[in-house]
Amino acid sequence: MVKVEPFAVEQATSPISLSTKLTYGAIRGSEELRGHLARVYSAEALRGLPHDNILITSGAIQANFLLHYALVGPGDHVIVHYPTYQQLYSVPESVGAEVSLWKARENDGWTLDTEELKSLIRPNTKLIVLNNPQNPTGAIIPRSTLAEIVNIARSQSITIHADEVYRPIFHGVSPADSDFPPSLLSLGYENTVVTGSMSKAYSLAGIRVGWIAARNKAIIEKCMVCRDYTTISVSQLDDAVATYALAPHTIDNLLHRNIQLARKNLEILEKFVEAHTWACEWIKPRAGTTAFVRFSRDGRPVDDVAFCKLLHDKVGVLVVPGSQCFGRDGDFQGYVRVGYVSETEVLEQGLAKLSEFMRAGYVDDVPLAR
């Protein structure tokens, strides 16, 4: 049991020494930062992860790009968990790979069917891409499903990539639960690789620090070759702040604060949904900081793009249209993504404005989806 002490900024020491010369940072990321990440990943695995199996990048967006650019190309086939962050299927397509979307079942809690995964695999399938916890739904891929995915991939020698940027913000599942999702790296398959970031779970988007961590060091070396064409190193200042945040004396306090904020704010959002069941429904998120809420009228989805524009123009609240930002071929009509882990008072103010809009302009002004 970890004892979490109250986090006080005034008690903190500076993560940056003023005597440090601001030359280029360590190309792969500082040994201290990679060491902290190796400790985090090793804590739940039977086999430790060496720090040389980690590459520091300028955010997870660069980590994802480098990984896909390095591993796939024309003639390859990639299977991508869907819905997800658009980059995870658009980058493989942009480098010439063919992409199949492995669609989560929205009528069954955004779960995945591993029999469908088997049917999607082709002789040229190079990569399976997961997003766990899932953006935008806040759903998780449980341990049992992850184990099945690993067994399927291992039998075909397919590499698996999991974007784990929202890990470990779990608020609807406990580590004591049998299906609590471990990091993909802990499941004993050599060809597994994950990407992560300081932006989501650690609330430090202002420092552009992400990473690639792989069981197979050859994957890191391939990414290093590609990285030489984009970035020499991350900023020394960003590296130092990330190192401080992930240090043993800081990380537990930081995550405790963020998980508690997520839980508190999710309760507030849940009350909003329950008060507006005549117009919206959802599958309550179990992790992360985003929710996918479906708005409808008379049983039909609304035009989510028009809804978001009207909401912004009339009351100054911004949410993301699901069909435009996360859907293909008309998928997710009526859905909007709500980022709910802001300061609590900001969320409360935004939901109050949204309620005002629902009372005054929703029925008459928001068109139905075509």
Protein backbone atom coordinates (compact mmCIF):
# COMPACT_ATOMS: atom_id res chain seq x y z
CA MET A 1 0.00 0.00 0.00
CA VAL A 2 1.40 3.39 -1.04
CA LYS A 3 0.82 6.21 1.40
CA VAL A 4 -0.11 9.32 -0.56
CA GLU A 5 0.79 12.59 1.09
CA PRO A 6 -0.98 15.84 0.19
CA PHE A 7 0.75 17.50 -2.74
CA ALA A 8 1.97 20.99 -1.95
CA VAL A 9 3.68 23.06 -4.63
CA GLU A 10 5.42 25.23 -2.05
CA GLN A 11 7.17 22.15 -0.66
CA ALA A 12 8.58 21.13 -4.03
CA THR A 13 12.16 21.66 -5.04
CA SER A 14 13.05 22.90 -8.50
CA PRO A 15 13.36 20.11 -11.08
CA ILE A 16 15.90 22.19 -12.99
CA SER A 17 19.38 23.12 -11.85
CA LEU A 18 20.27 26.68 -12.83
CA SER A 19 23.84 25.54 -13.45
CA THR A 20 22.77 23.26 -16.31
CA LYS A 21 24.12 24.31 -19.69
CA LEU A 22 21.29 24.44 -22.19
CA THR A 23 22.95 22.48 -24.97
CA TYR A 24 21.12 19.80 -26.92
CA GLY A 25 19.41 17.26 -24.72
CA ALA A 26 20.19 13.55 -24.68
CA ILE A 27 19.21 12.21 -28.10
CA ARG A 28 17.32 9.20 -26.76
CA GLY A 29 16.14 11.07 -23.67
CA SER A 30 18.02 11.37 -20.41
CA GLU A 31 18.98 8.13 -18.67
CA GLU A 32 17.17 9.30 -15.54
CA LEU A 33 13.88 9.88 -17.37
CA ARG A 34 14.08 6.59 -19.24
CA GLY A 35 15.00 4.89 -15.99
CA HIS A 36 11.85 6.19 -14.29
CA LEU A 37 9.72 4.95 -17.18
CA ALA A 38 11.46 1.58 -17.15
CA ARG A 39 10.62 1.30 -13.45
CA VAL A 40 6.95 2.08 -14.13
CA TYR A 41 6.65 -0.57 -16.84
CA SER A 42 8.72 -3.13 -14.95
CA ALA A 43 6.56 -2.85 -11.81
CA GLU A 44 3.73 -4.93 -13.29
CA ALA A 45 5.74 -7.29 -15.51
CA LEU A 46 7.45 -10.57 -14.75
CA ARG A 47 10.42 -9.38 -16.79
CA GLY A 48 11.89 -5.93 -16.29
CA LEU A 49 12.13 -3.44 -19.14
CA PRO A 50 15.64 -2.00 -19.74
CA HIS A 51 15.80 1.77 -20.09
CA ASP A 52 17.49 1.32 -23.48
CA ASN A 53 14.19 -0.08 -24.74
CA ILE A 54 12.62 3.36 -24.35
CA LEU A 55 12.90 6.33 -26.70
CA ILE A 56 11.80 9.82 -25.60
CA THR A 57 9.88 11.85 -28.19
CA SER A 58 8.17 15.20 -28.56
CA GLY A 59 4.82 14.01 -27.30
CA ALA A 60 2.88 10.85 -28.12
CA ILE A 61 1.89 12.34 -31.46
CA GLN A 62 5.52 12.09 -32.59
CA ALA A 63 5.88 8.68 -30.95
CA ASN A 64 2.92 7.31 -32.91
CA PHE A 65 4.11 8.86 -36.16
CA LEU A 66 7.66 7.57 -35.85
CA LEU A 67 6.53 4.09 -34.91
CA HIS A 68 4.16 3.69 -37.85
CA TYR A 69 6.54 5.38 -40.27
CA ALA A 70 9.29 2.98 -39.18
CA LEU A 71 7.27 -0.24 -39.16
CA VAL A 72 4.84 -0.12 -42.09
CA GLY A 73 4.81 0.93 -45.73
CA PRO A 74 3.33 0.15 -49.16
CA GLY A 75 2.05 -3.40 -49.41
CA ASP A 76 1.52 -3.79 -45.67
CA HIS A 77 -1.81 -4.24 -43.92
CA VAL A 78 -2.67 -2.67 -40.55
CA ILE A 79 -5.63 -3.43 -38.27
CA VAL A 80 -6.74 -0.53 -36.05
CA HIS A 81 -9.04 -0.53 -33.00
CA TYR A 82 -11.91 1.89 -33.76
CA PRO A 83 -13.08 4.49 -32.84
CA THR A 84 -9.76 5.99 -31.95
CA TYR A 85 -7.44 8.94 -32.33
CA GLN A 86 -7.43 9.61 -36.09
CA GLN A 87 -3.63 9.59 -36.35
CA LEU A 88 -3.54 5.88 -35.53
CA TYR A 89 -5.14 4.93 -38.84
CA SER A 90 -4.31 7.97 -40.98
CA VAL A 91 -0.52 7.70 -40.63
CA PRO A 92 -0.37 4.06 -41.82
CA GLU A 93 -2.58 5.03 -44.77
CA SER A 94 -0.36 8.02 -45.56
CA VAL A 95 2.72 5.81 -45.91
CA GLY A 96 0.95 3.42 -48.27
CA ALA A 97 -0.41 0.72 -45.97
CA GLU A 98 -3.96 -0.60 -46.24
CA VAL A 99 -5.99 -0.21 -43.05
CA SER A 100 -8.86 -2.30 -41.71
CA LEU A 101 -10.90 -0.88 -38.84
CA TRP A 102 -11.60 -3.30 -35.99
CA LYS A 103 -14.82 -1.77 -34.72
CA ALA A 104 -15.69 -1.81 -31.04
CA ARG A 105 -19.32 -2.78 -30.41
CA GLU A 106 -21.10 0.32 -29.14
CA ASN A 107 -24.18 -1.73 -28.19
CA ASP A 108 -22.02 -3.92 -25.95
CA GLY A 109 -20.03 -1.37 -23.96
CA TRP A 110 -17.51 -0.67 -26.74
CA THR A 111 -16.10 -4.19 -26.40
CA LEU A 112 -14.01 -5.98 -29.03
CA ASP A 113 -14.73 -9.31 -30.72
CA THR A 114 -11.50 -11.30 -31.12
CA GLU A 115 -13.16 -13.62 -33.65
CA GLU A 116 -13.60 -10.57 -35.85
CA LEU A 117 -9.92 -9.77 -35.38
CA LYS A 118 -9.03 -13.23 -36.70
CA SER A 119 -11.20 -12.62 -39.77
CA LEU A 120 -9.44 -9.32 -40.50
CA ILE A 121 -5.92 -10.77 -40.53
CA ARG A 122 -4.30 -11.22 -43.93
CA PRO A 123 -0.97 -12.74 -45.01
CA ASN A 124 0.48 -9.20 -45.20
CA THR A 125 -0.87 -7.94 -41.85
CA LYS A 126 2.08 -6.19 -40.23
CA LEU A 127 0.61 -4.35 -37.26
CA ILE A 128 -2.37 -4.39 -34.90
CA VAL A 129 -3.02 -0.99 -33.27
CA LEU A 130 -4.91 -0.65 -29.99
CA ASN A 131 -5.93 2.38 -27.94
CA ASN A 132 -6.24 1.43 -24.28
CA PRO A 133 -7.91 3.24 -22.53
CA GLN A 134 -9.89 4.22 -25.61
CA ASN A 135 -10.23 7.73 -26.95
CA PRO A 136 -12.99 8.99 -27.21
CA THR A 137 -15.17 6.48 -25.31
CA GLY A 138 -13.21 5.95 -22.10
CA ALA A 139 -13.69 2.20 -22.53
CA ILE A 140 -10.98 -0.29 -21.62
CA ILE A 141 -9.69 -3.47 -23.22
CA PRO A 142 -9.72 -5.91 -20.29
CA ARG A 143 -6.90 -8.29 -19.43
CA SER A 144 -8.68 -11.34 -20.86
CA THR A 145 -9.20 -9.68 -24.24
CA LEU A 146 -5.63 -8.36 -24.31
CA ALA A 147 -4.38 -11.89 -23.65
CA GLU A 148 -6.44 -13.21 -26.57
CA ILE A 149 -5.10 -10.47 -28.85
CA VAL A 150 -1.53 -11.33 -27.87
CA ASN A 151 -2.09 -15.02 -28.56
CA ILE A 152 -3.57 -14.27 -31.98
CA ALA A 153 -0.74 -11.89 -32.90
CA ARG A 154 1.95 -14.25 -31.64
CA SER A 155 0.59 -17.10 -33.77
CA GLN A 156 0.99 -14.90 -36.87
CA SER A 157 4.17 -13.02 -35.79
CA ILE A 158 2.30 -9.70 -35.96
CA THR A 159 3.54 -6.70 -33.97
CA ILE A 160 1.03 -5.06 -31.61
CA HIS A 161 1.11 -1.34 -30.81
CA ALA A 162 -0.95 0.05 -27.92
CA ASP A 163 -1.39 3.80 -27.56
CA GLU A 164 -1.61 4.04 -23.76
CA VAL A 165 -1.62 7.83 -23.31
CA TYR A 166 -4.59 7.72 -20.91
CA ARG A 167 -3.00 5.04 -18.76
CA PRO A 168 -3.17 4.80 -15.73
CA ILE A 169 -6.23 7.02 -15.24
CA PHE A 170 -8.58 4.18 -14.25
CA HIS A 171 -11.63 5.24 -12.24
CA GLY A 172 -14.24 2.61 -13.11
CA VAL A 173 -12.10 -0.48 -12.61
CA SER A 174 -9.83 -1.47 -9.74
CA PRO A 175 -6.36 -3.06 -9.88
CA ALA A 176 -7.89 -5.80 -7.72
CA ASP A 177 -10.34 -6.74 -10.49
CA SER A 178 -9.41 -9.83 -12.48
CA ASP A 179 -9.87 -8.00 -15.77
CA PHE A 180 -7.96 -4.86 -14.84
CA PRO A 181 -6.01 -3.99 -18.00
CA PRO A 182 -2.23 -4.24 -17.64
CA SER A 183 0.15 -2.45 -19.95
CA LEU A 184 0.58 -4.41 -23.17
CA LEU A 185 4.29 -4.70 -22.38
CA SER A 186 3.57 -6.93 -19.39
CA LEU A 187 1.95 -9.76 -21.35
CA GLY A 188 5.11 -11.61 -22.34
CA TYR A 189 5.10 -11.12 -26.12
CA GLU A 190 8.34 -9.86 -27.66
CA ASN A 191 6.73 -7.90 -30.49
CA THR A 192 4.75 -5.50 -28.33
CA VAL A 193 5.29 -1.76 -28.26
CA VAL A 194 3.47 1.05 -26.45
CA THR A 195 3.40 4.81 -26.74
CA GLY A 196 2.74 7.18 -23.89
CA SER A 197 2.83 10.83 -22.95
CA MET A 198 3.04 13.30 -20.09
CA SER A 199 0.03 15.15 -21.56
CA LYS A 200 -2.98 13.10 -20.43
CA ALA A 201 -2.59 10.99 -17.29
CA TYR A 202 0.08 13.30 -15.89
CA SER A 203 -1.61 16.62 -16.87
CA LEU A 204 1.61 18.07 -18.28
CA ALA A 205 0.71 18.82 -21.89
CA GLY A 206 2.75 22.02 -21.68
CA ILE A 207 5.93 19.98 -21.79
CA ARG A 208 6.14 18.10 -25.05
CA VAL A 209 7.33 14.73 -23.80
CA GLY A 210 6.17 11.33 -24.98
CA TRP A 211 7.84 7.98 -25.51
CA ILE A 212 8.02 4.69 -27.33
CA ALA A 213 8.67 1.60 -25.19
CA ALA A 214 9.19 -1.80 -26.79
CA ARG A 215 10.05 -5.32 -25.72
CA ASN A 216 11.98 -5.78 -28.96
CA LYS A 217 14.90 -3.34 -28.95
CA ALA A 218 15.14 -3.58 -32.75
CA ILE A 219 11.88 -1.61 -32.92
CA ILE A 220 13.47 1.22 -30.93
CA GLU A 221 16.48 1.24 -33.24
CA LYS A 222 14.24 1.50 -36.33
CA CYS A 223 12.42 4.42 -34.75
CA MET A 224 15.75 6.08 -33.89
CA VAL A 225 16.79 6.03 -37.55
CA CYS A 226 13.54 7.73 -38.57
CA ARG A 227 13.72 10.18 -35.68
CA ASP A 228 17.05 11.54 -36.94
CA TYR A 229 15.11 13.20 -39.78
CA THR A 230 12.69 15.02 -37.50
CA THR A 231 14.11 15.84 -34.06
CA ILE A 232 17.56 15.93 -32.48
CA SER A 233 16.23 15.71 -28.94
CA VAL A 234 13.48 16.95 -26.69
CA SER A 235 14.15 20.12 -24.73
CA GLN A 236 16.38 19.64 -21.69
CA LEU A 237 13.85 21.67 -19.71
CA ASP A 238 10.96 19.42 -20.73
CA ASP A 239 13.01 16.31 -20.02
CA ALA A 240 13.86 17.64 -16.55
CA VAL A 241 10.24 18.41 -15.66
CA ALA A 242 9.11 14.97 -16.85
CA THR A 243 11.91 13.34 -14.87
CA TYR A 244 10.78 15.16 -11.74
CA ALA A 245 7.12 14.26 -12.29
CA LEU A 246 7.87 10.55 -12.73
CA ALA A 247 10.29 10.31 -9.81
CA PRO A 248 9.25 7.99 -6.93
CA HIS A 249 8.62 10.92 -4.56
CA THR A 250 6.26 12.64 -7.03
CA ILE A 251 4.45 10.21 -9.32
CA ASP A 252 2.03 8.71 -6.79
CA ASN A 253 0.87 12.12 -5.55
CA LEU A 254 0.43 13.37 -9.11
CA LEU A 255 -1.59 10.37 -10.27
CA HIS A 256 -3.68 10.33 -7.09
CA ARG A 257 -4.63 13.95 -7.65
CA ASN A 258 -5.56 13.35 -11.30
CA ILE A 259 -7.53 10.16 -10.69
CA GLN A 260 -9.52 11.80 -7.89
CA LEU A 261 -10.26 14.78 -10.13
CA ALA A 262 -11.42 12.44 -12.90
CA ARG A 263 -13.73 10.56 -10.51
CA LYS A 264 -15.23 13.73 -9.07
CA ASN A 265 -15.82 15.32 -12.46
CA LEU A 266 -17.22 12.12 -13.96
CA GLU A 267 -19.88 12.09 -11.23
CA ILE A 268 -20.84 15.63 -12.23
CA LEU A 269 -21.06 14.68 -15.91
CA GLU A 270 -23.09 11.58 -15.02
CA LYS A 271 -25.65 13.75 -13.21
CA PHE A 272 -25.95 15.91 -16.32
CA VAL A 273 -26.58 12.87 -18.53
CA GLU A 274 -29.14 11.48 -16.07
CA ALA A 275 -30.95 14.84 -16.03
CA HIS A 276 -31.15 14.90 -19.83
CA THR A 277 -32.05 11.32 -20.72
CA TRP A 278 -34.71 12.72 -23.04
CA ALA A 279 -31.90 13.92 -25.30
CA CYS A 280 -28.65 12.10 -24.53
CA GLU A 281 -27.22 8.72 -23.60
CA TRP A 282 -23.79 7.20 -23.07
CA ILE A 283 -21.76 4.26 -21.94
CA LYS A 284 -20.11 5.58 -18.81
CA PRO A 285 -16.31 5.78 -19.18
CA ARG A 286 -14.19 3.48 -17.04
CA ALA A 287 -10.91 5.25 -17.65
CA GLY A 288 -9.26 8.29 -19.20
CA THR A 289 -10.57 11.83 -19.38
CA THR A 290 -13.07 11.76 -22.27
CA ALA A 291 -16.66 10.60 -22.72
CA PHE A 292 -18.62 9.85 -25.89
CA VAL A 293 -22.18 11.13 -25.47
CA ARG A 294 -24.92 10.56 -28.06
CA PHE A 295 -27.50 13.30 -28.56
CA SER A 296 -30.81 12.48 -30.23
CA ARG A 297 -34.35 13.73 -30.73
CA ASP A 298 -37.39 11.50 -31.13
CA GLY A 299 -35.12 8.48 -31.31
CA ARG A 300 -32.96 9.84 -34.15
CA PRO A 301 -29.42 11.21 -33.82
CA VAL A 302 -28.93 14.91 -34.24
CA ASP A 303 -26.45 16.46 -36.65
CA ASP A 304 -23.50 16.52 -34.25
CA VAL A 305 -21.48 19.01 -36.32
CA ALA A 306 -24.36 21.50 -36.35
CA PHE A 307 -24.96 20.82 -32.66
CA CYS A 308 -21.35 21.64 -31.76
CA LYS A 309 -21.30 24.80 -33.88
CA LEU A 310 -24.57 26.08 -32.43
CA LEU A 311 -23.48 25.26 -28.89
CA HIS A 312 -20.27 27.21 -29.37
CA ASP A 313 -21.90 30.17 -31.08
CA LYS A 314 -24.83 30.53 -28.69
CA VAL A 315 -23.32 29.81 -25.25
CA GLY A 316 -19.55 29.58 -25.80
CA VAL A 317 -19.09 25.88 -24.99
CA LEU A 318 -16.87 23.72 -27.18
CA VAL A 319 -17.27 19.96 -27.55
CA VAL A 320 -16.03 17.77 -30.41
CA PRO A 321 -18.37 16.31 -33.08
CA GLY A 322 -17.97 12.54 -33.13
CA SER A 323 -18.86 11.88 -36.77
CA GLN A 324 -16.36 14.42 -38.07
CA CYS A 325 -13.45 13.81 -35.70
CA PHE A 326 -13.76 10.08 -34.98
CA GLY A 327 -16.08 8.59 -37.60
CA ARG A 328 -15.86 7.33 -41.15
CA ASP A 329 -18.65 6.76 -43.66
CA GLY A 330 -21.31 8.28 -41.44
CA ASP A 331 -20.26 6.53 -38.23
CA PHE A 332 -21.08 8.09 -34.84
CA GLN A 333 -23.82 10.45 -35.97
CA GLY A 334 -25.06 12.41 -32.97
CA TYR A 335 -22.03 11.65 -30.82
CA VAL A 336 -19.90 14.34 -29.22
CA ARG A 337 -16.73 13.91 -27.23
CA VAL A 338 -16.67 15.65 -23.88
CA GLY A 339 -13.36 16.25 -22.14
CA TYR A 340 -14.41 16.29 -18.50
CA VAL A 341 -11.17 16.46 -16.50
CA SER A 342 -10.67 20.20 -16.45
CA GLU A 343 -10.86 22.20 -13.25
CA THR A 344 -14.15 21.18 -11.63
CA GLU A 345 -15.60 24.68 -11.68
CA VAL A 346 -14.87 24.96 -15.42
CA LEU A 347 -16.76 21.72 -16.05
CA GLU A 348 -19.67 22.85 -13.88
CA GLN A 349 -19.88 26.18 -15.69
CA GLY A 350 -19.72 24.48 -19.08
CA LEU A 351 -22.44 21.97 -18.22
CA ALA A 352 -24.64 24.76 -16.85
CA LYS A 353 -24.30 26.54 -20.20
CA LEU A 354 -25.00 23.28 -22.03
CA SER A 355 -28.16 22.80 -19.94
CA GLU A 356 -29.21 26.34 -20.83
CA PHE A 357 -28.75 25.52 -24.51
CA MET A 358 -30.71 22.26 -24.16
CA ARG A 359 -33.66 24.16 -22.69
CA ALA A 360 -33.62 27.09 -25.08
CA GLY A 361 -32.32 26.01 -28.49
CA TYR A 362 -31.87 22.28 -28.75
CA VAL A 363 -35.31 21.17 -29.92
CA ASP A 364 -35.95 24.01 -32.37
CA ASP A 365 -32.48 24.80 -33.69
CA VAL A 366 -30.47 21.57 -33.89
CA PRO A 367 -31.21 19.59 -37.07
CA LEU A 368 -31.38 15.81 -37.20
CA ALA A 369 -28.61 13.85 -38.89
CA ARG A 370 -29.28 13.09 -42.54
